[in-house]
Amino acid sequence: MKKAQDCETMDEVRAEIDRVDRALVDLLAERWSYVDRAWFFKRSPDEASVPWRNRDVIEKVKARAEDTAMPAEMAEALWRMIIGWGIQYEEERLKEK
């Protein structure tokens, strides 16, 4: 693993981007496993979707992005898409049951 500023060639930059992409996919797959489990609990009216939770997640992600070199607007856009996929998935699963 090299820091961006330590890369001396474009090949090194690309190799590190590929490494990070693999890690991101692994982390997103782990996150998805929890989304897949969440729909099970959302069958109960007490655990149904709550809008404040989505806002809370996005605010936390934006705050984390602001602590890093990531633009908060990009983090928000990505998480809105991730959350949207999760909501759609949960709704489809709930219709099946």
C-alpha atoms as a PDB file:
ATOM      1  CA  MET A   1       0.000   0.000   0.000  1.00  0.00           C
ATOM      2  CA  LYS A   2       1.319   3.395  -1.003  1.00  0.00           C
ATOM      3  CA  LYS A   3       0.008   6.807  -0.129  1.00  0.00           C
ATOM      4  CA  ALA A   4      -1.092   8.827  -3.138  1.00  0.00           C
ATOM      5  CA  GLN A   5       1.748  11.290  -2.698  1.00  0.00           C
ATOM      6  CA  ASP A   6       4.272   8.414  -2.729  1.00  0.00           C
ATOM      7  CA  CYS A   7       3.208   7.112  -6.147  1.00  0.00           C
ATOM      8  CA  GLU A   8       5.810   7.950  -8.742  1.00  0.00           C
ATOM      9  CA  THR A   9       4.133   6.582 -11.875  1.00  0.00           C
ATOM     10  CA  MET A  10       0.653   6.330 -13.323  1.00  0.00           C
ATOM     11  CA  ASP A  11       0.932   2.526 -13.090  1.00  0.00           C
ATOM     12  CA  GLU A  12       1.439   2.843  -9.336  1.00  0.00           C
ATOM     13  CA  VAL A  13      -1.581   5.145  -9.062  1.00  0.00           C
ATOM     14  CA  ARG A  14      -3.712   2.685 -11.051  1.00  0.00           C
ATOM     15  CA  ALA A  15      -2.548  -0.253  -8.933  1.00  0.00           C
ATOM     16  CA  GLU A  16      -3.519   1.587  -5.747  1.00  0.00           C
ATOM     17  CA  ILE A  17      -6.901   2.567  -7.188  1.00  0.00           C
ATOM     18  CA  ASP A  18      -7.499  -1.097  -8.056  1.00  0.00           C
ATOM     19  CA  ARG A  19      -6.541  -2.094  -4.495  1.00  0.00           C
ATOM     20  CA  VAL A  20      -8.919   0.458  -3.021  1.00  0.00           C
ATOM     21  CA  ASP A  21     -11.711  -0.622  -5.389  1.00  0.00           C
ATOM     22  CA  ARG A  22     -11.358  -4.225  -4.213  1.00  0.00           C
ATOM     23  CA  ALA A  23     -11.579  -3.073  -0.596  1.00  0.00           C
ATOM     24  CA  LEU A  24     -14.615  -0.906  -1.343  1.00  0.00           C
ATOM     25  CA  VAL A  25     -16.455  -3.799  -2.969  1.00  0.00           C
ATOM     26  CA  ASP A  26     -15.673  -5.988   0.037  1.00  0.00           C
ATOM     27  CA  LEU A  27     -16.957  -3.342   2.459  1.00  0.00           C
ATOM     28  CA  LEU A  28     -20.073  -2.652   0.399  1.00  0.00           C
ATOM     29  CA  ALA A  29     -20.779  -6.391   0.266  1.00  0.00           C
ATOM     30  CA  GLU A  30     -20.500  -6.510   4.044  1.00  0.00           C
ATOM     31  CA  ARG A  31     -22.856  -3.526   4.351  1.00  0.00           C
ATOM     32  CA  TRP A  32     -25.285  -5.225   1.969  1.00  0.00           C
ATOM     33  CA  SER A  33     -25.382  -8.322   4.178  1.00  0.00           C
ATOM     34  CA  TYR A  34     -26.863  -6.119   6.926  1.00  0.00           C
ATOM     35  CA  VAL A  35     -29.371  -4.590   4.526  1.00  0.00           C
ATOM     36  CA  ASP A  36     -30.369  -8.122   3.575  1.00  0.00           C
ATOM     37  CA  ARG A  37     -30.906  -8.915   7.243  1.00  0.00           C
ATOM     38  CA  ALA A  38     -32.756  -5.660   7.994  1.00  0.00           C
ATOM     39  CA  TRP A  39     -35.743  -6.460   5.799  1.00  0.00           C
ATOM     40  CA  PHE A  40     -36.421  -9.472   8.017  1.00  0.00           C
ATOM     41  CA  PHE A  41     -36.920  -7.206  11.025  1.00  0.00           C
ATOM     42  CA  LYS A  42     -38.881  -4.641   9.035  1.00  0.00           C
ATOM     43  CA  ARG A  43     -41.720  -7.147   8.695  1.00  0.00           C
ATOM     44  CA  SER A  44     -42.709  -5.935  12.144  1.00  0.00           C
ATOM     45  CA  PRO A  45     -44.579  -2.593  12.201  1.00  0.00           C
ATOM     46  CA  ASP A  46     -42.372  -1.560  15.127  1.00  0.00           C
ATOM     47  CA  GLU A  47     -39.275  -1.827  12.928  1.00  0.00           C
ATOM     48  CA  ALA A  48     -40.627  -0.327   9.701  1.00  0.00           C
ATOM     49  CA  SER A  49     -38.546   2.206   7.803  1.00  0.00           C
ATOM     50  CA  VAL A  50     -38.108   5.496   9.563  1.00  0.00           C
ATOM     51  CA  PRO A  51     -37.096   8.580   7.576  1.00  0.00           C
ATOM     52  CA  TRP A  52     -34.946   9.951  10.389  1.00  0.00           C
ATOM     53  CA  ARG A  53     -32.633   6.945  10.058  1.00  0.00           C
ATOM     54  CA  ASN A  54     -31.820   7.742   6.433  1.00  0.00           C
ATOM     55  CA  ARG A  55     -31.091  11.363   7.308  1.00  0.00           C
ATOM     56  CA  ASP A  56     -28.952  10.255  10.242  1.00  0.00           C
ATOM     57  CA  VAL A  57     -26.879   7.916   8.061  1.00  0.00           C
ATOM     58  CA  ILE A  58     -26.332  10.598   5.432  1.00  0.00           C
ATOM     59  CA  GLU A  59     -25.344  13.207   8.021  1.00  0.00           C
ATOM     60  CA  LYS A  60     -22.822  10.805   9.557  1.00  0.00           C
ATOM     61  CA  VAL A  61     -21.362   9.982   6.151  1.00  0.00           C
ATOM     62  CA  LYS A  62     -21.080  13.660   5.233  1.00  0.00           C
ATOM     63  CA  ALA A  63     -19.363  14.422   8.539  1.00  0.00           C
ATOM     64  CA  ARG A  64     -16.921  11.563   7.998  1.00  0.00           C
ATOM     65  CA  ALA A  65     -16.203  12.767   4.470  1.00  0.00           C
ATOM     66  CA  GLU A  66     -15.511  16.263   5.781  1.00  0.00           C
ATOM     67  CA  ASP A  67     -12.904  14.740   8.110  1.00  0.00           C
ATOM     68  CA  THR A  68     -11.160  13.240   5.091  1.00  0.00           C
ATOM     69  CA  ALA A  69     -10.199  14.427   1.630  1.00  0.00           C
ATOM     70  CA  MET A  70     -13.527  13.259   0.176  1.00  0.00           C
ATOM     71  CA  PRO A  71     -16.021  15.893  -0.984  1.00  0.00           C
ATOM     72  CA  ALA A  72     -19.057  15.692   1.292  1.00  0.00           C
ATOM     73  CA  GLU A  73     -21.368  16.221  -1.698  1.00  0.00           C
ATOM     74  CA  MET A  74     -19.938  13.141  -3.394  1.00  0.00           C
ATOM     75  CA  ALA A  75     -20.356  11.058  -0.232  1.00  0.00           C
ATOM     76  CA  GLU A  76     -23.945  12.221   0.122  1.00  0.00           C
ATOM     77  CA  ALA A  77     -24.779  11.384  -3.502  1.00  0.00           C
ATOM     78  CA  LEU A  78     -23.232   7.917  -3.218  1.00  0.00           C
ATOM     79  CA  TRP A  79     -25.005   7.109   0.036  1.00  0.00           C
ATOM     80  CA  ARG A  80     -28.342   8.341  -1.256  1.00  0.00           C
ATOM     81  CA  MET A  81     -27.938   5.850  -4.096  1.00  0.00           C
ATOM     82  CA  ILE A  82     -26.850   3.059  -1.737  1.00  0.00           C
ATOM     83  CA  ILE A  83     -29.756   3.755   0.625  1.00  0.00           C
ATOM     84  CA  GLY A  84     -32.179   3.919  -2.306  1.00  0.00           C
ATOM     85  CA  TRP A  85     -31.075   0.493  -3.523  1.00  0.00           C
ATOM     86  CA  GLY A  86     -31.502  -0.853  -0.010  1.00  0.00           C
ATOM     87  CA  ILE A  87     -34.993   0.567   0.359  1.00  0.00           C
ATOM     88  CA  GLN A  88     -36.034  -0.822  -3.010  1.00  0.00           C
ATOM     89  CA  TYR A  89     -34.625  -4.236  -2.111  1.00  0.00           C
ATOM     90  CA  GLU A  90     -36.389  -4.276   1.261  1.00  0.00           C
ATOM     91  CA  GLU A  91     -39.707  -3.255  -0.316  1.00  0.00           C
ATOM     92  CA  GLU A  92     -39.444  -6.033  -2.879  1.00  0.00           C
ATOM     93  CA  ARG A  93     -38.598  -8.611  -0.208  1.00  0.00           C
ATOM     94  CA  LEU A  94     -41.447  -7.431   2.008  1.00  0.00           C
ATOM     95  CA  LYS A  95     -43.917  -7.829  -0.871  1.00  0.00           C
ATOM     96  CA  GLU A  96     -42.764 -11.440  -1.278  1.00  0.00           C
ATOM     97  CA  LYS A  97     -43.559 -12.313   2.325  1.00  0.00           C
END
